[in-house]
Amino acid sequence: MKNMKLSLEEGKILVKIARKAIIEYLEKGIIISPPSEVSENLLKKMGVFVTLNAIREYGKELRGCIGYPQPIFPLIEATIRSAISAATEDPRFPPVEIDEMENIIIEVSVLTVPQLIEVDDPREYPKKIKIGEDGLIVEKGFYRGLLLPQVAIEWNWDEEEFLCQTCIKAGLDPSSWLDKKVKIYKFQAQIFEEESPNGEVLERKIA
């Protein structure tokens, strides 16, 4: 991760506050306030995504993923907002029910600031991307799609497939990354994840 690196303890705080935020919102309809005493790092504005994975017999299944690509809010606040949104506002899924939480693993990805990938020829993009390290954002007009670095590893994609899938996420044709009007950004992420629902939090290495 090229920017500031969080400690494992800070990562644990983010994951636990994400779980607390979801439960408090689902049970009582309240948005919790950030803790009053946290490290300076957690008060810095940073991008973050919260991913919810349901445990199934065949493995993990995505149950929600929403966040902020840009550093708009202090990290601790952005995590709370993202967690609630991932549980209740992901348009791909119905809102999470409170009894599901005992079967959901929470993952928090803290992002570096996205950087525009500059190329003379779009065919150069694959050489500018490192699978297992970079996440991607594809942008064209009102169309925008983001995929976290771990997604390419989970699906065993190479660089071209990762570009195609990010275009699809943006609502574009898979080959749109070859369009000179399309902007492509990359970023890195530090990932903290529960080992089991409400279990030990570890830093996840994907490369």
N, C-alpha and C. Protein backbone atom coordinates (compact mmCIF):
# COMPACT_ATOMS: atom_id res chain seq x y z
N MET A 1 0.85 -1.18 0.00
CA MET A 1 0.00 0.00 0.00
C MET A 1 0.89 1.23 0.00
N LYS A 2 0.72 2.07 -0.98
CA LYS A 2 1.66 3.17 -1.18
C LYS A 2 1.45 4.31 -0.20
N ASN A 3 0.22 4.48 0.28
CA ASN A 3 -0.04 5.55 1.22
C ASN A 3 0.14 5.04 2.64
N MET A 4 -0.39 5.78 3.61
CA MET A 4 -0.28 5.42 5.00
C MET A 4 -0.78 4.00 5.27
N LYS A 5 -0.07 3.30 6.14
CA LYS A 5 -0.46 1.93 6.48
C LYS A 5 -1.03 1.92 7.90
N LEU A 6 -2.17 1.28 8.05
CA LEU A 6 -2.79 1.18 9.36
C LEU A 6 -2.23 -0.01 10.12
N SER A 7 -2.29 0.05 11.44
CA SER A 7 -1.88 -1.08 12.27
C SER A 7 -3.03 -2.09 12.31
N LEU A 8 -2.71 -3.31 12.73
CA LEU A 8 -3.75 -4.34 12.86
C LEU A 8 -4.79 -3.89 13.88
N GLU A 9 -4.34 -3.23 14.94
CA GLU A 9 -5.27 -2.77 15.98
C GLU A 9 -6.27 -1.77 15.40
N GLU A 10 -5.77 -0.87 14.55
CA GLU A 10 -6.66 0.10 13.90
C GLU A 10 -7.64 -0.60 12.97
N GLY A 11 -7.16 -1.62 12.27
CA GLY A 11 -8.03 -2.40 11.39
C GLY A 11 -9.13 -3.11 12.17
N LYS A 12 -8.76 -3.65 13.33
CA LYS A 12 -9.75 -4.32 14.18
C LYS A 12 -10.84 -3.35 14.61
N ILE A 13 -10.44 -2.13 14.95
CA ILE A 13 -11.42 -1.11 15.37
C ILE A 13 -12.40 -0.84 14.23
N LEU A 14 -11.88 -0.72 13.01
CA LEU A 14 -12.76 -0.44 11.86
C LEU A 14 -13.76 -1.56 11.62
N VAL A 15 -13.30 -2.80 11.68
CA VAL A 15 -14.19 -3.93 11.43
C VAL A 15 -15.25 -4.04 12.54
N LYS A 16 -14.83 -3.85 13.77
CA LYS A 16 -15.78 -3.96 14.88
C LYS A 16 -16.79 -2.82 14.87
N ILE A 17 -16.34 -1.61 14.49
CA ILE A 17 -17.29 -0.49 14.42
C ILE A 17 -18.25 -0.68 13.26
N ALA A 18 -17.79 -1.33 12.18
CA ALA A 18 -18.67 -1.61 11.04
C ALA A 18 -19.78 -2.56 11.48
N ARG A 19 -19.41 -3.62 12.22
CA ARG A 19 -20.42 -4.58 12.69
C ARG A 19 -21.40 -3.90 13.65
N LYS A 20 -20.86 -3.13 14.58
CA LYS A 20 -21.72 -2.44 15.55
C LYS A 20 -22.68 -1.49 14.83
N ALA A 21 -22.17 -0.76 13.84
CA ALA A 21 -23.01 0.21 13.10
C ALA A 21 -24.18 -0.49 12.43
N ILE A 22 -23.91 -1.64 11.81
CA ILE A 22 -24.98 -2.38 11.12
C ILE A 22 -26.02 -2.88 12.12
N ILE A 23 -25.56 -3.48 13.20
CA ILE A 23 -26.49 -4.06 14.18
C ILE A 23 -27.35 -2.98 14.82
N GLU A 24 -26.72 -1.86 15.21
CA GLU A 24 -27.48 -0.77 15.84
C GLU A 24 -28.51 -0.19 14.87
N TYR A 25 -28.13 -0.11 13.60
CA TYR A 25 -29.06 0.44 12.61
C TYR A 25 -30.21 -0.52 12.34
N LEU A 26 -29.91 -1.79 12.22
CA LEU A 26 -30.96 -2.78 11.94
C LEU A 26 -31.89 -2.97 13.13
N GLU A 27 -31.34 -2.90 14.34
CA GLU A 27 -32.15 -3.13 15.54
C GLU A 27 -32.93 -1.89 15.97
N LYS A 28 -32.28 -0.72 15.88
CA LYS A 28 -32.87 0.49 16.47
C LYS A 28 -33.09 1.63 15.48
N GLY A 29 -32.57 1.46 14.24
CA GLY A 29 -32.72 2.51 13.25
C GLY A 29 -31.87 3.73 13.52
N ILE A 30 -30.80 3.56 14.30
CA ILE A 30 -29.94 4.71 14.61
C ILE A 30 -28.58 4.57 13.92
N ILE A 31 -28.01 5.71 13.58
CA ILE A 31 -26.65 5.74 13.03
C ILE A 31 -25.72 6.11 14.17
N ILE A 32 -24.87 5.20 14.55
CA ILE A 32 -23.99 5.45 15.70
C ILE A 32 -22.99 6.56 15.40
N SER A 33 -22.54 7.21 16.45
CA SER A 33 -21.49 8.23 16.32
C SER A 33 -20.14 7.54 16.40
N PRO A 34 -19.12 8.10 15.73
CA PRO A 34 -17.78 7.51 15.84
C PRO A 34 -17.30 7.58 17.29
N PRO A 35 -16.46 6.63 17.72
CA PRO A 35 -15.90 6.68 19.07
C PRO A 35 -15.16 8.00 19.29
N SER A 36 -15.19 8.50 20.50
CA SER A 36 -14.57 9.81 20.78
C SER A 36 -13.05 9.73 20.81
N GLU A 37 -12.54 8.58 21.22
CA GLU A 37 -11.08 8.45 21.31
C GLU A 37 -10.58 7.35 20.38
N VAL A 38 -10.08 7.79 19.24
CA VAL A 38 -9.45 6.85 18.30
C VAL A 38 -8.14 7.46 17.83
N SER A 39 -7.31 6.66 17.18
CA SER A 39 -6.01 7.15 16.72
C SER A 39 -6.18 8.22 15.65
N GLU A 40 -5.15 9.01 15.50
CA GLU A 40 -5.15 10.09 14.50
C GLU A 40 -5.38 9.54 13.09
N ASN A 41 -4.85 8.34 12.82
CA ASN A 41 -5.01 7.75 11.50
C ASN A 41 -6.48 7.55 11.13
N LEU A 42 -7.28 7.16 12.10
CA LEU A 42 -8.69 6.87 11.82
C LEU A 42 -9.52 8.13 11.65
N LEU A 43 -8.92 9.27 11.96
CA LEU A 43 -9.61 10.55 11.78
C LEU A 43 -9.22 11.23 10.46
N LYS A 44 -8.26 10.63 9.77
CA LYS A 44 -7.85 11.18 8.48
C LYS A 44 -8.88 10.79 7.41
N LYS A 45 -9.08 11.67 6.44
CA LYS A 45 -10.01 11.38 5.36
C LYS A 45 -9.38 10.34 4.42
N MET A 46 -10.09 9.22 4.25
CA MET A 46 -9.60 8.16 3.38
C MET A 46 -10.79 7.46 2.73
N GLY A 47 -10.55 6.88 1.56
CA GLY A 47 -11.57 6.07 0.91
C GLY A 47 -11.67 4.71 1.59
N VAL A 48 -12.86 4.12 1.60
CA VAL A 48 -13.04 2.82 2.25
C VAL A 48 -14.25 2.12 1.65
N PHE A 49 -14.18 0.79 1.60
CA PHE A 49 -15.32 -0.03 1.20
C PHE A 49 -15.56 -1.08 2.28
N VAL A 50 -16.83 -1.33 2.56
CA VAL A 50 -17.20 -2.41 3.49
C VAL A 50 -17.90 -3.50 2.69
N THR A 51 -17.39 -4.71 2.82
CA THR A 51 -17.94 -5.87 2.10
C THR A 51 -18.54 -6.84 3.11
N LEU A 52 -19.74 -7.32 2.82
CA LEU A 52 -20.40 -8.32 3.64
C LEU A 52 -20.44 -9.64 2.87
N ASN A 53 -19.91 -10.68 3.46
CA ASN A 53 -19.93 -12.00 2.84
C ASN A 53 -20.68 -12.98 3.72
N ALA A 54 -21.74 -13.58 3.17
CA ALA A 54 -22.52 -14.58 3.90
C ALA A 54 -21.83 -15.93 3.79
N ILE A 55 -21.81 -16.67 4.90
CA ILE A 55 -21.22 -18.01 4.91
C ILE A 55 -22.26 -19.02 4.42
N ARG A 56 -21.93 -19.71 3.35
CA ARG A 56 -22.81 -20.75 2.80
C ARG A 56 -22.09 -22.10 2.87
N GLU A 57 -22.82 -23.17 2.60
CA GLU A 57 -22.21 -24.51 2.61
C GLU A 57 -21.08 -24.61 1.62
N TYR A 58 -21.20 -23.90 0.50
CA TYR A 58 -20.20 -23.99 -0.57
C TYR A 58 -19.13 -22.90 -0.46
N GLY A 59 -19.18 -22.08 0.58
CA GLY A 59 -18.18 -21.03 0.75
C GLY A 59 -18.82 -19.68 1.00
N LYS A 60 -18.07 -18.63 0.74
CA LYS A 60 -18.57 -17.27 0.97
C LYS A 60 -19.38 -16.78 -0.23
N GLU A 61 -20.42 -15.99 0.06
CA GLU A 61 -21.24 -15.40 -0.99
C GLU A 61 -21.45 -13.92 -0.69
N LEU A 62 -21.19 -13.08 -1.67
CA LEU A 62 -21.34 -11.64 -1.49
C LEU A 62 -22.75 -11.30 -1.05
N ARG A 63 -22.86 -10.45 -0.02
CA ARG A 63 -24.18 -10.04 0.49
C ARG A 63 -24.35 -8.52 0.47
N GLY A 64 -23.28 -7.81 0.12
CA GLY A 64 -23.36 -6.36 0.02
C GLY A 64 -21.96 -5.76 0.01
N CYS A 65 -21.78 -4.69 -0.76
CA CYS A 65 -20.48 -4.02 -0.81
C CYS A 65 -20.68 -2.60 -1.30
N ILE A 66 -20.40 -1.64 -0.43
CA ILE A 66 -20.56 -0.23 -0.78
C ILE A 66 -19.47 0.56 -0.05
N GLY A 67 -19.06 1.67 -0.64
CA GLY A 67 -18.06 2.50 0.02
C GLY A 67 -17.82 3.80 -0.69
N TYR A 68 -16.73 4.43 -0.31
CA TYR A 68 -16.33 5.72 -0.85
C TYR A 68 -14.96 5.58 -1.50
N PRO A 69 -14.89 5.71 -2.84
CA PRO A 69 -13.59 5.61 -3.50
C PRO A 69 -12.65 6.76 -3.14
N GLN A 70 -13.23 7.93 -2.88
CA GLN A 70 -12.44 9.12 -2.61
C GLN A 70 -12.42 9.42 -1.11
N PRO A 71 -11.37 10.12 -0.64
CA PRO A 71 -11.27 10.47 0.78
C PRO A 71 -12.15 11.67 1.12
N ILE A 72 -13.44 11.41 1.30
CA ILE A 72 -14.42 12.47 1.55
C ILE A 72 -14.65 12.69 3.04
N PHE A 73 -14.71 11.58 3.79
CA PHE A 73 -15.00 11.64 5.23
C PHE A 73 -13.82 11.10 6.04
N PRO A 74 -13.73 11.46 7.32
CA PRO A 74 -12.76 10.79 8.20
C PRO A 74 -12.99 9.28 8.11
N LEU A 75 -11.92 8.51 8.14
CA LEU A 75 -12.01 7.07 7.90
C LEU A 75 -13.01 6.36 8.81
N ILE A 76 -13.02 6.69 10.08
CA ILE A 76 -13.93 6.02 11.01
C ILE A 76 -15.38 6.32 10.66
N GLU A 77 -15.67 7.56 10.25
CA GLU A 77 -17.03 7.93 9.86
C GLU A 77 -17.42 7.28 8.54
N ALA A 78 -16.49 7.29 7.59
CA ALA A 78 -16.75 6.67 6.28
C ALA A 78 -17.04 5.18 6.43
N THR A 79 -16.36 4.54 7.39
CA THR A 79 -16.58 3.11 7.63
C THR A 79 -17.99 2.86 8.16
N ILE A 80 -18.43 3.68 9.09
CA ILE A 80 -19.79 3.55 9.64
C ILE A 80 -20.82 3.73 8.53
N ARG A 81 -20.67 4.79 7.74
CA ARG A 81 -21.61 5.06 6.65
C ARG A 81 -21.62 3.91 5.64
N SER A 82 -20.44 3.43 5.27
CA SER A 82 -20.33 2.38 4.27
C SER A 82 -20.93 1.07 4.77
N ALA A 83 -20.72 0.77 6.04
CA ALA A 83 -21.24 -0.47 6.61
C ALA A 83 -22.76 -0.51 6.55
N ILE A 84 -23.39 0.58 6.98
CA ILE A 84 -24.85 0.64 6.96
C ILE A 84 -25.37 0.55 5.52
N SER A 85 -24.72 1.26 4.62
CA SER A 85 -25.14 1.24 3.22
C SER A 85 -24.97 -0.15 2.60
N ALA A 86 -23.86 -0.82 2.93
CA ALA A 86 -23.62 -2.16 2.38
C ALA A 86 -24.71 -3.13 2.83
N ALA A 87 -25.21 -2.93 4.05
CA ALA A 87 -26.24 -3.82 4.59
C ALA A 87 -27.64 -3.48 4.11
N THR A 88 -27.87 -2.22 3.74
CA THR A 88 -29.26 -1.80 3.47
C THR A 88 -29.51 -1.18 2.11
N GLU A 89 -28.44 -0.78 1.39
CA GLU A 89 -28.65 0.00 0.17
C GLU A 89 -27.99 -0.57 -1.08
N ASP A 90 -27.33 -1.72 -0.98
CA ASP A 90 -26.74 -2.29 -2.19
C ASP A 90 -27.88 -2.74 -3.11
N PRO A 91 -28.00 -2.13 -4.30
CA PRO A 91 -29.14 -2.42 -5.17
C PRO A 91 -29.18 -3.86 -5.69
N ARG A 92 -28.10 -4.58 -5.54
CA ARG A 92 -28.05 -5.96 -6.03
C ARG A 92 -28.73 -6.96 -5.08
N PHE A 93 -28.97 -6.52 -3.84
CA PHE A 93 -29.47 -7.44 -2.83
C PHE A 93 -30.59 -6.81 -2.01
N PRO A 94 -31.46 -7.65 -1.42
CA PRO A 94 -32.43 -7.11 -0.47
C PRO A 94 -31.69 -6.68 0.80
N PRO A 95 -32.25 -5.77 1.58
CA PRO A 95 -31.59 -5.36 2.82
C PRO A 95 -31.31 -6.56 3.74
N VAL A 96 -30.21 -6.49 4.44
CA VAL A 96 -29.84 -7.55 5.39
C VAL A 96 -30.83 -7.53 6.56
N GLU A 97 -31.23 -8.73 7.00
CA GLU A 97 -32.06 -8.88 8.20
C GLU A 97 -31.14 -9.09 9.39
N ILE A 98 -31.58 -8.65 10.56
CA ILE A 98 -30.72 -8.70 11.74
C ILE A 98 -30.25 -10.12 12.05
N ASP A 99 -31.11 -11.13 11.85
CA ASP A 99 -30.69 -12.50 12.18
C ASP A 99 -29.65 -13.06 11.22
N GLU A 100 -29.43 -12.38 10.11
CA GLU A 100 -28.38 -12.81 9.17
C GLU A 100 -26.98 -12.48 9.68
N MET A 101 -26.89 -11.49 10.58
CA MET A 101 -25.58 -10.98 10.99
C MET A 101 -24.70 -12.04 11.66
N GLU A 102 -25.32 -13.03 12.28
CA GLU A 102 -24.53 -14.09 12.92
C GLU A 102 -23.90 -15.02 11.89
N ASN A 103 -24.23 -14.81 10.61
CA ASN A 103 -23.70 -15.66 9.54
C ASN A 103 -22.95 -14.84 8.49
N ILE A 104 -22.61 -13.60 8.84
CA ILE A 104 -21.96 -12.71 7.88
C ILE A 104 -20.56 -12.30 8.36
N ILE A 105 -19.61 -12.42 7.45
CA ILE A 105 -18.23 -11.97 7.70
C ILE A 105 -18.09 -10.55 7.15
N ILE A 106 -17.48 -9.67 7.94
CA ILE A 106 -17.29 -8.28 7.53
C ILE A 106 -15.84 -8.06 7.11
N GLU A 107 -15.69 -7.37 6.00
CA GLU A 107 -14.38 -7.06 5.43
C GLU A 107 -14.32 -5.55 5.18
N VAL A 108 -13.27 -4.91 5.65
CA VAL A 108 -13.09 -3.47 5.45
C VAL A 108 -11.83 -3.24 4.61
N SER A 109 -11.99 -2.57 3.47
CA SER A 109 -10.86 -2.26 2.58
C SER A 109 -10.61 -0.76 2.62
N VAL A 110 -9.44 -0.38 3.11
CA VAL A 110 -9.06 1.03 3.20
C VAL A 110 -8.25 1.39 1.95
N LEU A 111 -8.69 2.40 1.21
CA LEU A 111 -8.14 2.66 -0.12
C LEU A 111 -7.13 3.80 -0.14
N THR A 112 -6.16 3.65 -1.04
CA THR A 112 -5.32 4.79 -1.40
C THR A 112 -6.13 5.68 -2.34
N VAL A 113 -5.66 6.89 -2.56
CA VAL A 113 -6.35 7.82 -3.47
C VAL A 113 -6.20 7.29 -4.90
N PRO A 114 -7.29 7.11 -5.64
CA PRO A 114 -7.20 6.61 -7.02
C PRO A 114 -6.35 7.51 -7.90
N GLN A 115 -5.51 6.89 -8.71
CA GLN A 115 -4.62 7.61 -9.62
C GLN A 115 -4.98 7.28 -11.06
N LEU A 116 -5.10 8.33 -11.88
CA LEU A 116 -5.39 8.12 -13.30
C LEU A 116 -4.24 7.40 -13.97
N ILE A 117 -4.55 6.32 -14.71
CA ILE A 117 -3.52 5.61 -15.48
C ILE A 117 -3.38 6.32 -16.83
N GLU A 118 -2.22 6.84 -17.08
CA GLU A 118 -2.00 7.59 -18.33
C GLU A 118 -1.28 6.72 -19.36
N VAL A 119 -1.87 6.61 -20.54
CA VAL A 119 -1.29 5.83 -21.63
C VAL A 119 -1.46 6.58 -22.95
N ASP A 120 -0.59 6.30 -23.90
CA ASP A 120 -0.74 6.86 -25.25
C ASP A 120 -1.72 6.03 -26.06
N ASP A 121 -1.74 4.74 -25.77
CA ASP A 121 -2.59 3.79 -26.49
C ASP A 121 -3.30 2.92 -25.45
N PRO A 122 -4.64 2.83 -25.48
CA PRO A 122 -5.37 2.03 -24.50
C PRO A 122 -4.89 0.58 -24.39
N ARG A 123 -4.27 0.07 -25.45
CA ARG A 123 -3.78 -1.31 -25.40
C ARG A 123 -2.65 -1.48 -24.39
N GLU A 124 -2.13 -0.35 -23.89
CA GLU A 124 -1.05 -0.39 -22.88
C GLU A 124 -1.59 -0.63 -21.47
N TYR A 125 -2.91 -0.48 -21.27
CA TYR A 125 -3.46 -0.58 -19.91
C TYR A 125 -3.08 -1.84 -19.16
N PRO A 126 -3.18 -3.03 -19.79
CA PRO A 126 -2.87 -4.25 -19.03
C PRO A 126 -1.47 -4.24 -18.42
N LYS A 127 -0.51 -3.62 -19.10
CA LYS A 127 0.86 -3.58 -18.59
C LYS A 127 1.01 -2.63 -17.40
N LYS A 128 0.02 -1.77 -17.20
CA LYS A 128 0.09 -0.78 -16.12
C LYS A 128 -0.63 -1.26 -14.85
N ILE A 129 -1.18 -2.48 -14.91
CA ILE A 129 -1.98 -3.00 -13.81
C ILE A 129 -1.29 -4.21 -13.19
N LYS A 130 -1.28 -4.27 -11.86
CA LYS A 130 -0.69 -5.42 -11.16
C LYS A 130 -1.80 -6.17 -10.43
N ILE A 131 -2.09 -7.38 -10.90
CA ILE A 131 -3.12 -8.21 -10.27
C ILE A 131 -2.67 -8.58 -8.85
N GLY A 132 -3.59 -8.45 -7.90
CA GLY A 132 -3.26 -8.73 -6.51
C GLY A 132 -2.79 -7.51 -5.75
N GLU A 133 -2.63 -6.42 -6.47
CA GLU A 133 -2.22 -5.16 -5.82
C GLU A 133 -3.17 -4.03 -6.16
N ASP A 134 -3.54 -3.91 -7.42
CA ASP A 134 -4.36 -2.77 -7.87
C ASP A 134 -5.84 -3.10 -7.94
N GLY A 135 -6.64 -2.13 -7.53
CA GLY A 135 -8.06 -2.12 -7.82
C GLY A 135 -8.28 -1.16 -8.97
N LEU A 136 -9.45 -1.22 -9.62
CA LEU A 136 -9.68 -0.40 -10.81
C LEU A 136 -10.99 0.38 -10.71
N ILE A 137 -10.95 1.57 -11.33
CA ILE A 137 -12.16 2.37 -11.54
C ILE A 137 -12.21 2.71 -13.03
N VAL A 138 -13.34 2.43 -13.66
CA VAL A 138 -13.57 2.80 -15.06
C VAL A 138 -14.61 3.90 -15.09
N GLU A 139 -14.34 4.92 -15.88
CA GLU A 139 -15.23 6.09 -15.90
C GLU A 139 -15.42 6.60 -17.33
N LYS A 140 -16.69 6.79 -17.71
CA LYS A 140 -17.01 7.41 -18.99
C LYS A 140 -18.32 8.17 -18.81
N GLY A 141 -18.24 9.49 -18.82
CA GLY A 141 -19.44 10.30 -18.59
C GLY A 141 -20.06 9.98 -17.25
N PHE A 142 -21.35 9.61 -17.27
CA PHE A 142 -22.05 9.27 -16.04
C PHE A 142 -21.81 7.82 -15.61
N TYR A 143 -21.16 7.05 -16.46
CA TYR A 143 -20.91 5.63 -16.16
C TYR A 143 -19.65 5.49 -15.31
N ARG A 144 -19.77 4.72 -14.23
CA ARG A 144 -18.62 4.55 -13.35
C ARG A 144 -18.71 3.19 -12.66
N GLY A 145 -17.62 2.47 -12.66
CA GLY A 145 -17.58 1.17 -12.00
C GLY A 145 -16.27 0.97 -11.27
N LEU A 146 -16.34 0.30 -10.13
CA LEU A 146 -15.15 0.05 -9.31
C LEU A 146 -15.12 -1.42 -8.91
N LEU A 147 -13.92 -2.00 -8.98
CA LEU A 147 -13.70 -3.34 -8.44
C LEU A 147 -12.47 -3.31 -7.55
N LEU A 148 -12.59 -3.88 -6.36
CA LEU A 148 -11.49 -3.91 -5.39
C LEU A 148 -10.40 -4.87 -5.85
N PRO A 149 -9.17 -4.69 -5.37
CA PRO A 149 -8.05 -5.54 -5.81
C PRO A 149 -8.29 -7.03 -5.59
N GLN A 150 -8.96 -7.38 -4.48
CA GLN A 150 -9.15 -8.79 -4.14
C GLN A 150 -10.09 -9.51 -5.10
N VAL A 151 -10.92 -8.75 -5.81
CA VAL A 151 -11.90 -9.38 -6.71
C VAL A 151 -11.19 -10.12 -7.85
N ALA A 152 -10.16 -9.53 -8.40
CA ALA A 152 -9.43 -10.17 -9.51
C ALA A 152 -8.79 -11.48 -9.06
N ILE A 153 -8.30 -11.50 -7.82
CA ILE A 153 -7.69 -12.73 -7.28
C ILE A 153 -8.77 -13.79 -7.04
N GLU A 154 -9.89 -13.37 -6.45
CA GLU A 154 -10.96 -14.31 -6.14
C GLU A 154 -11.52 -15.00 -7.38
N TRP A 155 -11.54 -14.26 -8.50
CA TRP A 155 -12.09 -14.81 -9.74
C TRP A 155 -11.01 -15.28 -10.72
N ASN A 156 -9.75 -15.19 -10.29
CA ASN A 156 -8.63 -15.65 -11.12
C ASN A 156 -8.58 -14.96 -12.48
N TRP A 157 -8.79 -13.64 -12.48
CA TRP A 157 -8.76 -12.86 -13.71
C TRP A 157 -7.34 -12.40 -14.03
N ASP A 158 -7.02 -12.31 -15.33
CA ASP A 158 -5.79 -11.63 -15.73
C ASP A 158 -6.12 -10.14 -15.92
N GLU A 159 -5.12 -9.38 -16.36
CA GLU A 159 -5.30 -7.92 -16.44
C GLU A 159 -6.41 -7.52 -17.41
N GLU A 160 -6.47 -8.17 -18.57
CA GLU A 160 -7.49 -7.81 -19.56
C GLU A 160 -8.89 -8.15 -19.06
N GLU A 161 -9.04 -9.30 -18.45
CA GLU A 161 -10.35 -9.68 -17.93
C GLU A 161 -10.78 -8.75 -16.79
N PHE A 162 -9.82 -8.33 -15.98
CA PHE A 162 -10.11 -7.39 -14.89
C PHE A 162 -10.62 -6.07 -15.47
N LEU A 163 -10.00 -5.60 -16.53
CA LEU A 163 -10.45 -4.38 -17.21
C LEU A 163 -11.86 -4.56 -17.78
N CYS A 164 -12.09 -5.70 -18.43
CA CYS A 164 -13.40 -5.98 -19.02
C CYS A 164 -14.49 -6.02 -17.95
N GLN A 165 -14.20 -6.69 -16.84
CA GLN A 165 -15.19 -6.84 -15.78
C GLN A 165 -15.48 -5.50 -15.08
N THR A 166 -14.47 -4.64 -15.00
CA THR A 166 -14.71 -3.32 -14.40
C THR A 166 -15.57 -2.47 -15.33
N CYS A 167 -15.38 -2.64 -16.64
CA CYS A 167 -16.25 -1.96 -17.61
C CYS A 167 -17.69 -2.43 -17.46
N ILE A 168 -17.89 -3.73 -17.31
CA ILE A 168 -19.23 -4.28 -17.12
C ILE A 168 -19.85 -3.72 -15.85
N LYS A 169 -19.03 -3.62 -14.77
CA LYS A 169 -19.53 -3.06 -13.51
C LYS A 169 -20.00 -1.62 -13.71
N ALA A 170 -19.35 -0.92 -14.64
CA ALA A 170 -19.72 0.47 -14.93
C ALA A 170 -20.94 0.58 -15.84
N GLY A 171 -21.42 -0.56 -16.33
CA GLY A 171 -22.56 -0.55 -17.25
C GLY A 171 -22.15 -0.31 -18.69
N LEU A 172 -20.89 -0.58 -18.97
CA LEU A 172 -20.36 -0.38 -20.32
C LEU A 172 -20.08 -1.72 -20.99
N ASP A 173 -19.83 -1.67 -22.29
CA ASP A 173 -19.42 -2.86 -23.03
C ASP A 173 -18.07 -3.35 -22.48
N PRO A 174 -17.84 -4.66 -22.41
CA PRO A 174 -16.59 -5.17 -21.84
C PRO A 174 -15.32 -4.60 -22.47
N SER A 175 -15.39 -4.30 -23.77
CA SER A 175 -14.18 -3.80 -24.46
C SER A 175 -14.04 -2.28 -24.40
N SER A 176 -14.86 -1.63 -23.59
CA SER A 176 -14.84 -0.16 -23.53
C SER A 176 -13.51 0.42 -23.05
N TRP A 177 -12.70 -0.40 -22.37
CA TRP A 177 -11.41 0.12 -21.89
C TRP A 177 -10.48 0.47 -23.05
N LEU A 178 -10.82 0.00 -24.26
CA LEU A 178 -10.03 0.35 -25.45
C LEU A 178 -10.47 1.69 -26.05
N ASP A 179 -11.54 2.26 -25.51
CA ASP A 179 -12.07 3.55 -25.98
C ASP A 179 -11.25 4.68 -25.36
N LYS A 180 -10.71 5.55 -26.18
CA LYS A 180 -9.85 6.64 -25.68
C LYS A 180 -10.61 7.65 -24.82
N LYS A 181 -11.95 7.62 -24.88
CA LYS A 181 -12.75 8.53 -24.06
C LYS A 181 -12.96 8.00 -22.64
N VAL A 182 -12.59 6.76 -22.42
CA VAL A 182 -12.74 6.14 -21.11
C VAL A 182 -11.52 6.45 -20.24
N LYS A 183 -11.79 6.83 -19.00
CA LYS A 183 -10.70 7.07 -18.03
C LYS A 183 -10.61 5.87 -17.10
N ILE A 184 -9.39 5.44 -16.83
CA ILE A 184 -9.18 4.30 -15.94
C ILE A 184 -8.22 4.72 -14.82
N TYR A 185 -8.65 4.44 -13.61
CA TYR A 185 -7.86 4.77 -12.42
C TYR A 185 -7.49 3.48 -11.71
N LYS A 186 -6.38 3.52 -10.99
CA LYS A 186 -6.04 2.38 -10.14
C LYS A 186 -5.77 2.87 -8.71
N PHE A 187 -5.94 1.95 -7.76
CA PHE A 187 -5.72 2.25 -6.36
C PHE A 187 -5.29 0.96 -5.67
N GLN A 188 -4.80 1.09 -4.46
CA GLN A 188 -4.45 -0.08 -3.66
C GLN A 188 -5.32 -0.10 -2.40
N ALA A 189 -5.33 -1.22 -1.71
CA ALA A 189 -6.17 -1.34 -0.53
C ALA A 189 -5.47 -2.15 0.56
N GLN A 190 -5.72 -1.74 1.79
CA GLN A 190 -5.32 -2.53 2.96
C GLN A 190 -6.60 -3.15 3.50
N ILE A 191 -6.61 -4.48 3.62
CA ILE A 191 -7.86 -5.20 3.87
C ILE A 191 -7.83 -5.87 5.24
N PHE A 192 -8.89 -5.63 6.00
CA PHE A 192 -9.06 -6.27 7.31
C PHE A 192 -10.36 -7.07 7.28
N GLU A 193 -10.31 -8.31 7.78
CA GLU A 193 -11.45 -9.21 7.63
C GLU A 193 -11.60 -10.11 8.86
N GLU A 194 -12.87 -10.36 9.22
CA GLU A 194 -13.14 -11.32 10.28
C GLU A 194 -12.83 -12.74 9.79
N GLU A 195 -12.22 -13.55 10.66
CA GLU A 195 -11.98 -14.95 10.32
C GLU A 195 -13.28 -15.73 10.23
N SER A 196 -14.21 -15.37 11.11
CA SER A 196 -15.55 -15.96 11.15
C SER A 196 -16.49 -14.85 11.60
N PRO A 197 -17.81 -15.03 11.47
CA PRO A 197 -18.72 -13.97 11.87
C PRO A 197 -18.48 -13.50 13.31
N ASN A 198 -18.17 -12.23 13.45
CA ASN A 198 -17.86 -11.61 14.74
C ASN A 198 -16.65 -12.26 15.41
N GLY A 199 -15.78 -12.84 14.59
CA GLY A 199 -14.60 -13.52 15.12
C GLY A 199 -13.36 -12.65 15.08
N GLU A 200 -12.21 -13.29 15.18
CA GLU A 200 -10.93 -12.59 15.18
C GLU A 200 -10.75 -11.83 13.87
N VAL A 201 -10.18 -10.62 13.96
CA VAL A 201 -9.94 -9.79 12.77
C VAL A 201 -8.47 -9.91 12.37
N LEU A 202 -8.24 -10.19 11.10
CA LEU A 202 -6.89 -10.32 10.57
C LEU A 202 -6.71 -9.38 9.39
N GLU A 203 -5.46 -9.02 9.12
CA GLU A 203 -5.18 -8.29 7.89
C GLU A 203 -5.06 -9.31 6.77
N ARG A 204 -5.80 -9.10 5.71
CA ARG A 204 -5.84 -10.06 4.61
C ARG A 204 -4.82 -9.69 3.54
N LYS A 205 -3.97 -10.64 3.21
CA LYS A 205 -2.99 -10.46 2.14
C LYS A 205 -3.54 -11.13 0.89
N ILE A 206 -3.53 -10.42 -0.23
CA ILE A 206 -4.14 -10.99 -1.44
C ILE A 206 -3.12 -11.28 -2.54
N ALA A 207 -1.97 -10.64 -2.49
CA ALA A 207 -0.99 -10.83 -3.58
C ALA A 207 -0.28 -12.17 -3.43
